[in-house]
Amino acid sequence: MLRLSALGDVCNLVPTVRALQRQWPGARITWIVGKAEHSLLSGLSGVEFVVYDKSTGLAGMREIWRMLKDTRFDALLHMQQSLRASVLSLGLRSKVRIGYDKARAKDWQHWFTQHQLAPHPRAHVLESFMDFARELGVKDLTPEWDLAIPDEARREARQVSGEQDYVLISPCANPRLRNFRNWSAEGYAAVIEHLWSRHGLATVMSGGGSTQEREMGARIQALCSEGAVIDAIGGTSLKGLLALIDAARAVVAPDSGPVHMANALNTPTVGLYATTNPERAAPYRWREHVVNRYPEAVRAYLHKSPDEIVWGTRVRHPDAMSLIHADDVIAHLDALLMESRDEV
């Protein structure tokens, strides 16, 4: 399996691993994965990881080729639609190389594979990955995850939360150029104040250590009551974040790794979507609780209807996420918190 990134995508790929393992319990599965993604997935049962650090470039690829030069795989599942991954695939020996159909392939991926998946228009990301298992003849495609969370990570999470009940908010998506997936500090603050005053729940804020994320966290905290926010931005490992998500009453975040990590752990999740199509990329088990303003964003900023655009088109406009209102997020959260309380 060749899939290097990103955090959300590798979470959506794990059910394919589990489906393959159910079909062939004795199969040897090797996953070539990115460095950060490996730190999240390490300990995944029945998988041998080969880690590629993108910063090492061609030299890192040569090292992987050297490591695997005596291994001939039955199948290479080329699941990364990038030229970098395709170049890496050239040094891997396999009886068959399987990639996406031409409609889904990007960066000329179909030039690097000899067998393409059957077309699957308008597929969710998780279902696109599962198509590889389907192509190999796997019958049971039930999504399962079972991510490993070590005791050390759970201790890290308890140190952050103080063992109180909380909701986790990860306010920022990956700060890539023209990403525009982030909601407003004022919106998050309104949600946090509601959780604090109505439910007596503190909010743990998570994220990486970038300047953008730290500044967003500071703006949110400045708008909230004392005690309502625990700022853990830049303060946890990925496994520690996984443990925090596992123990949370609910998670709120834009289209980013944390919503898919929460989905993998079956933690109630409210995804905030306006620039990304949730039909393609929502947290899979919590799709009905997505705050979906993508259709409105398409009409307002692309001047088309959702049916007129290419599947997976992103709305790259800085105002798109402003279409999401705090009341919508609060309504979904209230429903999820009520459901989880009733189950307890």
Protein backbone atom coordinates (compact mmCIF):
# COMPACT_ATOMS: atom_id res chain seq x y z
CA MET A 1 0.00 0.00 0.00
CA LEU A 2 1.38 3.39 -1.01
CA ARG A 3 -0.30 6.32 0.71
CA LEU A 4 1.92 8.98 2.23
CA SER A 5 -0.51 11.64 3.45
CA ALA A 6 -2.55 13.31 4.88
CA LEU A 7 -3.76 12.66 8.45
CA GLY A 8 -7.44 12.62 7.55
CA ASP A 9 -6.87 10.52 4.44
CA VAL A 10 -4.85 7.84 6.21
CA CYS A 11 -7.60 7.57 8.82
CA ASN A 12 -10.06 7.00 5.98
CA LEU A 13 -7.77 4.33 4.54
CA VAL A 14 -7.58 2.17 7.69
CA PRO A 15 -10.96 0.47 7.00
CA THR A 16 -9.48 -0.85 3.75
CA VAL A 17 -6.63 -2.39 5.73
CA ARG A 18 -9.12 -4.04 8.07
CA ALA A 19 -11.17 -5.35 5.15
CA LEU A 20 -8.06 -6.93 3.60
CA GLN A 21 -7.12 -8.47 6.94
CA ARG A 22 -10.57 -10.01 7.38
CA GLN A 23 -10.39 -11.55 3.89
CA TRP A 24 -6.79 -12.79 4.23
CA PRO A 25 -5.81 -12.98 7.93
CA GLY A 26 -2.36 -14.32 7.05
CA ALA A 27 -1.50 -11.70 4.45
CA ARG A 28 1.59 -9.54 4.90
CA ILE A 29 0.59 -5.89 4.51
CA THR A 30 3.28 -3.25 4.02
CA TRP A 31 2.23 0.39 4.09
CA ILE A 32 4.58 3.10 2.77
CA VAL A 33 3.49 6.18 4.69
CA GLY A 34 4.59 9.71 5.55
CA LYS A 35 6.50 10.54 8.71
CA ALA A 36 3.76 12.47 10.54
CA GLU A 37 1.09 10.01 9.44
CA HIS A 38 3.14 7.14 10.83
CA SER A 39 3.34 8.83 14.22
CA LEU A 40 -0.47 8.77 14.24
CA LEU A 41 -0.89 5.20 12.98
CA SER A 42 2.02 3.44 14.70
CA GLY A 43 0.90 0.28 16.44
CA LEU A 44 -1.78 -0.52 13.85
CA SER A 45 -2.08 -4.27 14.20
CA GLY A 46 -0.92 -6.52 11.38
CA VAL A 47 0.79 -3.76 9.35
CA GLU A 48 4.47 -3.28 8.60
CA PHE A 49 5.17 0.42 8.06
CA VAL A 50 7.87 1.81 5.82
CA VAL A 51 8.25 5.52 6.57
CA TYR A 52 9.08 8.08 3.90
CA ASP A 53 10.11 11.55 5.05
CA LYS A 54 9.19 13.90 2.20
CA SER A 55 12.02 16.26 3.15
CA THR A 56 14.56 13.59 2.10
CA GLY A 57 13.42 13.76 -1.54
CA LEU A 58 14.95 11.32 -4.00
CA ALA A 59 17.58 10.15 -1.49
CA GLY A 60 14.79 8.96 0.82
CA MET A 61 13.15 7.14 -2.07
CA ARG A 62 16.40 5.38 -2.92
CA GLU A 63 16.69 4.24 0.70
CA ILE A 64 13.20 2.70 0.54
CA TRP A 65 14.04 1.02 -2.77
CA ARG A 66 17.18 -0.43 -1.19
CA MET A 67 15.22 -1.63 1.85
CA LEU A 68 12.61 -3.39 -0.30
CA LYS A 69 14.83 -4.53 -3.18
CA ASP A 70 14.42 -8.22 -2.28
CA THR A 71 10.65 -7.99 -1.78
CA ARG A 72 8.27 -8.76 -4.63
CA PHE A 73 4.73 -7.86 -3.66
CA ASP A 74 1.66 -9.64 -5.00
CA ALA A 75 0.00 -6.25 -5.49
CA LEU A 76 0.96 -2.61 -5.17
CA LEU A 77 -2.04 -0.50 -4.22
CA HIS A 78 -1.08 2.95 -5.47
CA MET A 79 -3.44 5.08 -3.38
CA GLN A 80 -1.67 8.46 -3.55
CA GLN A 81 -2.57 10.74 -6.43
CA SER A 82 0.68 12.66 -6.62
CA LEU A 83 3.69 12.65 -8.90
CA ARG A 84 6.03 12.26 -5.92
CA ALA A 85 4.32 9.03 -4.88
CA SER A 86 4.29 7.78 -8.46
CA VAL A 87 8.05 8.30 -8.75
CA LEU A 88 8.52 6.44 -5.46
CA SER A 89 6.43 3.57 -6.82
CA LEU A 90 8.87 3.04 -9.71
CA GLY A 91 11.40 1.37 -7.43
CA LEU A 92 8.93 -1.12 -5.93
CA ARG A 93 8.66 -4.65 -7.34
CA SER A 94 5.14 -5.99 -7.70
CA LYS A 95 3.24 -8.50 -9.84
CA VAL A 96 0.45 -6.00 -10.43
CA ARG A 97 0.23 -2.25 -9.87
CA ILE A 98 -3.29 -1.00 -9.17
CA GLY A 99 -4.33 2.65 -9.31
CA TYR A 100 -7.36 4.86 -9.77
CA ASP A 101 -9.45 5.00 -12.92
CA LYS A 102 -8.68 7.92 -15.21
CA ALA A 103 -11.57 10.00 -13.88
CA ARG A 104 -10.14 9.92 -10.36
CA ALA A 105 -6.42 9.77 -11.11
CA LYS A 106 -4.43 13.01 -10.79
CA ASP A 107 -0.88 13.96 -11.77
CA TRP A 108 -0.88 11.30 -14.52
CA GLN A 109 -1.12 8.49 -11.97
CA HIS A 110 -2.59 6.09 -14.54
CA TRP A 111 0.75 6.19 -16.43
CA PHE A 112 2.39 4.48 -13.43
CA THR A 113 -0.11 1.62 -12.98
CA GLN A 114 -1.06 -1.30 -15.19
CA HIS A 115 -4.51 -1.96 -13.72
CA GLN A 116 -7.10 0.71 -12.90
CA LEU A 117 -10.08 0.58 -10.57
CA ALA A 118 -13.59 0.45 -11.95
CA PRO A 119 -15.14 3.94 -12.17
CA HIS A 120 -16.91 5.15 -9.04
CA PRO A 121 -18.33 8.63 -9.65
CA ARG A 122 -19.10 10.86 -6.66
CA ALA A 123 -17.44 8.55 -4.15
CA HIS A 124 -16.58 9.49 -0.58
CA VAL A 125 -12.83 9.37 0.09
CA LEU A 126 -13.26 6.32 2.34
CA GLU A 127 -15.23 4.53 -0.36
CA SER A 128 -12.58 5.37 -2.97
CA PHE A 129 -9.97 3.66 -0.82
CA MET A 130 -12.28 0.72 -0.23
CA ASP A 131 -12.55 0.28 -4.00
CA PHE A 132 -9.03 -1.19 -3.89
CA ALA A 133 -10.25 -3.97 -1.59
CA ARG A 134 -13.31 -4.46 -3.79
CA GLU A 135 -11.06 -4.77 -6.86
CA LEU A 136 -9.14 -7.56 -5.15
CA GLY A 137 -12.35 -9.48 -4.48
CA VAL A 138 -12.96 -8.59 -0.83
CA LYS A 139 -16.62 -9.13 0.07
CA ASP A 140 -16.94 -7.75 3.61
CA LEU A 141 -16.39 -4.00 3.27
CA THR A 142 -17.71 -3.02 6.72
CA PRO A 143 -15.72 0.02 7.94
CA GLU A 144 -13.65 -0.75 11.04
CA TRP A 145 -10.66 1.10 12.53
CA ASP A 146 -9.28 -0.05 15.92
CA LEU A 147 -6.50 2.55 16.13
CA ALA A 148 -3.81 1.99 18.74
CA ILE A 149 -3.64 4.45 21.65
CA PRO A 150 -0.77 3.72 24.06
CA ASP A 151 -1.06 4.26 27.81
CA GLU A 152 1.50 7.08 27.61
CA ALA A 153 -0.81 8.99 25.25
CA ARG A 154 -3.76 8.54 27.59
CA ARG A 155 -1.69 9.91 30.47
CA GLU A 156 -0.74 12.87 28.27
CA ALA A 157 -4.43 13.52 27.54
CA ARG A 158 -5.37 13.39 31.23
CA GLN A 159 -2.66 15.91 32.06
CA VAL A 160 -4.19 18.30 29.52
CA SER A 161 -7.84 17.84 30.46
CA GLY A 162 -7.48 17.40 34.19
CA GLU A 163 -9.82 14.40 33.87
CA GLN A 164 -12.89 16.65 33.54
CA ASP A 165 -15.54 16.24 30.85
CA TYR A 166 -14.87 18.39 27.80
CA VAL A 167 -15.55 19.01 24.14
CA LEU A 168 -12.54 19.23 21.85
CA ILE A 169 -12.34 21.97 19.22
CA SER A 170 -9.58 22.01 16.63
CA PRO A 171 -10.13 25.44 15.06
CA CYS A 172 -7.60 25.40 12.21
CA ALA A 173 -7.08 23.23 9.17
CA ASN A 174 -3.72 22.79 7.47
CA PRO A 175 -2.38 26.31 6.72
CA ARG A 176 -1.71 25.60 3.05
CA LEU A 177 -1.96 28.30 0.41
CA ARG A 178 -5.56 29.23 -0.41
CA ASN A 179 -6.98 26.56 1.89
CA PHE A 180 -9.66 28.83 3.43
CA ARG A 181 -11.17 26.09 5.62
CA ASN A 182 -11.00 27.98 8.90
CA TRP A 183 -14.08 29.39 10.63
CA SER A 184 -14.05 32.59 12.71
CA ALA A 185 -12.76 33.11 16.24
CA GLU A 186 -16.10 34.73 17.11
CA GLY A 187 -18.01 31.66 15.93
CA TYR A 188 -15.90 29.27 17.96
CA ALA A 189 -16.14 31.52 21.02
CA ALA A 190 -19.95 31.53 20.80
CA VAL A 191 -19.95 27.72 20.72
CA ILE A 192 -17.52 27.50 23.64
CA GLU A 193 -19.58 29.91 25.74
CA HIS A 194 -22.71 27.85 25.06
CA LEU A 195 -20.97 24.64 26.11
CA TRP A 196 -19.73 26.32 29.30
CA SER A 197 -22.96 28.03 30.35
CA ARG A 198 -25.52 25.47 29.13
CA HIS A 199 -23.74 22.15 29.62
CA GLY A 200 -21.01 22.98 32.13
CA LEU A 201 -18.44 21.64 29.70
CA ALA A 202 -14.98 23.09 29.22
CA THR A 203 -13.45 23.12 25.73
CA VAL A 204 -10.00 21.79 24.94
CA MET A 205 -8.52 23.58 21.93
CA SER A 206 -6.06 21.51 19.92
CA GLY A 207 -3.83 22.14 16.94
CA GLY A 208 -0.26 22.36 15.73
CA GLY A 209 2.30 24.89 16.83
CA SER A 210 2.18 27.23 13.82
CA THR A 211 1.93 30.98 14.36
CA GLN A 212 -1.47 31.02 12.63
CA GLU A 213 -2.89 28.37 14.96
CA ARG A 214 -1.49 29.94 18.12
CA GLU A 215 -2.85 33.35 17.14
CA MET A 216 -6.28 31.88 16.42
CA GLY A 217 -6.28 30.13 19.79
CA ALA A 218 -5.37 33.37 21.57
CA ARG A 219 -8.18 35.28 19.81
CA ILE A 220 -10.73 32.63 20.75
CA GLN A 221 -9.61 32.47 24.37
CA ALA A 222 -9.75 36.26 24.70
CA LEU A 223 -13.46 36.12 23.79
CA CYS A 224 -14.37 33.41 26.31
CA SER A 225 -15.13 33.25 30.00
CA GLU A 226 -12.36 32.35 32.42
CA GLY A 227 -12.15 28.57 32.81
CA ALA A 228 -14.12 27.79 29.67
CA VAL A 229 -11.05 27.03 27.53
CA ILE A 230 -8.05 24.77 27.97
CA ASP A 231 -5.53 25.81 25.33
CA ALA A 232 -3.59 22.75 24.16
CA ILE A 233 -2.63 24.16 20.74
CA GLY A 234 0.89 22.97 19.98
CA GLY A 235 0.94 21.12 23.29
CA THR A 236 0.36 17.45 22.44
CA SER A 237 1.79 14.65 20.36
CA LEU A 238 -0.41 13.15 17.65
CA LYS A 239 -1.03 10.10 19.82
CA GLY A 240 -1.84 12.43 22.71
CA LEU A 241 -4.34 14.24 20.49
CA LEU A 242 -5.83 10.88 19.52
CA ALA A 243 -6.28 10.08 23.21
CA LEU A 244 -7.84 13.51 23.86
CA ILE A 245 -10.30 12.93 21.02
CA ASP A 246 -11.13 9.45 22.30
CA ALA A 247 -12.06 10.82 25.74
CA ALA A 248 -13.96 13.89 24.50
CA ARG A 249 -17.75 14.18 24.69
CA ALA A 250 -17.68 15.57 21.14
CA VAL A 251 -15.34 17.13 18.57
CA VAL A 252 -15.84 20.26 16.45
CA ALA A 253 -13.49 21.08 13.57
CA PRO A 254 -13.34 22.04 9.89
CA ASP A 255 -12.34 19.54 7.20
CA SER A 256 -9.03 18.45 8.71
CA GLY A 257 -7.32 15.53 10.40
CA PRO A 258 -9.12 15.78 13.77
CA VAL A 259 -12.64 15.21 12.36
CA HIS A 260 -11.45 12.01 10.69
CA MET A 261 -9.51 10.93 13.78
CA ALA A 262 -12.70 11.46 15.81
CA ASN A 263 -14.68 9.52 13.23
CA ALA A 264 -12.21 6.63 13.46
CA LEU A 265 -12.70 6.55 17.24
CA ASN A 266 -16.49 6.96 16.93
CA THR A 267 -16.40 10.15 18.99
CA PRO A 268 -19.45 12.34 18.17
CA THR A 269 -18.28 14.82 15.56
CA VAL A 270 -19.56 18.10 14.12
CA GLY A 271 -17.71 18.90 10.91
CA LEU A 272 -17.74 22.46 9.55
CA TYR A 273 -17.87 22.40 5.75
CA ALA A 274 -18.23 25.21 3.23
CA THR A 275 -15.11 25.09 1.07
CA THR A 276 -15.05 21.26 0.82
CA ASN A 277 -17.87 19.00 -0.33
CA PRO A 278 -18.94 16.91 2.69
CA GLU A 279 -20.47 14.28 0.42
CA ARG A 280 -16.89 13.50 -0.55
CA ALA A 281 -14.95 14.27 2.63
CA ALA A 282 -17.21 14.43 5.72
CA PRO A 283 -16.41 12.37 8.84
CA TYR A 284 -17.93 9.15 7.53
CA ARG A 285 -19.91 7.94 10.54
CA TRP A 286 -21.14 11.43 11.47
CA ARG A 287 -22.21 12.76 8.08
CA GLU A 288 -25.68 13.69 9.32
CA HIS A 289 -24.12 16.11 11.84
CA VAL A 290 -22.04 18.08 9.35
CA VAL A 291 -22.84 21.78 9.16
CA ASN A 292 -22.98 21.92 5.37
CA ARG A 293 -22.77 25.27 3.62
CA TYR A 294 -20.94 23.94 0.57
CA PRO A 295 -23.91 24.25 -1.82
CA GLU A 296 -24.42 27.89 -0.81
CA ALA A 297 -20.68 28.58 -1.19
CA VAL A 298 -20.65 27.05 -4.68
CA ARG A 299 -23.53 29.26 -5.75
CA ALA A 300 -22.18 32.41 -4.09
CA TYR A 301 -18.52 32.20 -5.07
CA LEU A 302 -18.35 29.89 -8.11
CA HIS A 303 -21.66 31.14 -9.54
CA LYS A 304 -22.79 27.62 -10.40
CA SER A 305 -24.98 24.91 -8.90
CA PRO A 306 -23.29 21.94 -7.21
CA ASP A 307 -24.42 19.72 -10.09
CA GLU A 308 -22.49 21.84 -12.59
CA ILE A 309 -19.03 21.52 -11.05
CA VAL A 310 -16.45 18.74 -11.06
CA TRP A 311 -16.73 16.31 -8.13
CA GLY A 312 -14.33 17.36 -5.39
CA THR A 313 -14.09 21.02 -6.47
CA ARG A 314 -13.07 23.27 -3.58
CA VAL A 315 -14.43 26.74 -3.04
CA ARG A 316 -11.26 28.75 -2.62
CA HIS A 317 -12.73 31.97 -1.29
CA PRO A 318 -11.77 33.55 2.06
CA ASP A 319 -15.39 34.37 2.94
CA ALA A 320 -16.89 30.93 2.27
CA MET A 321 -16.70 29.68 5.88
CA SER A 322 -18.56 32.80 7.07
CA LEU A 323 -21.71 31.12 5.70
CA ILE A 324 -21.61 28.86 8.78
CA HIS A 325 -23.54 30.26 11.76
CA ALA A 326 -22.89 29.50 15.41
CA ASP A 327 -26.53 28.53 15.97
CA ASP A 328 -26.17 25.72 13.41
CA VAL A 329 -23.11 24.33 15.16
CA ILE A 330 -24.74 24.62 18.58
CA ALA A 331 -27.88 22.80 17.42
CA HIS A 332 -25.84 19.82 16.20
CA LEU A 333 -23.73 19.78 19.34
CA ASP A 334 -26.79 19.89 21.62
CA ALA A 335 -28.29 16.93 19.76
CA LEU A 336 -25.08 14.90 19.99
CA LEU A 337 -24.55 15.68 23.67
CA MET A 338 -28.13 14.69 24.42
CA GLU A 339 -27.69 11.40 22.56
CA SER A 340 -24.45 10.56 24.33
CA ARG A 341 -25.97 11.41 27.72
CA ASP A 342 -28.95 9.15 27.03
CA GLU A 343 -26.61 6.29 26.07
CA VAL A 344 -24.76 6.66 29.37
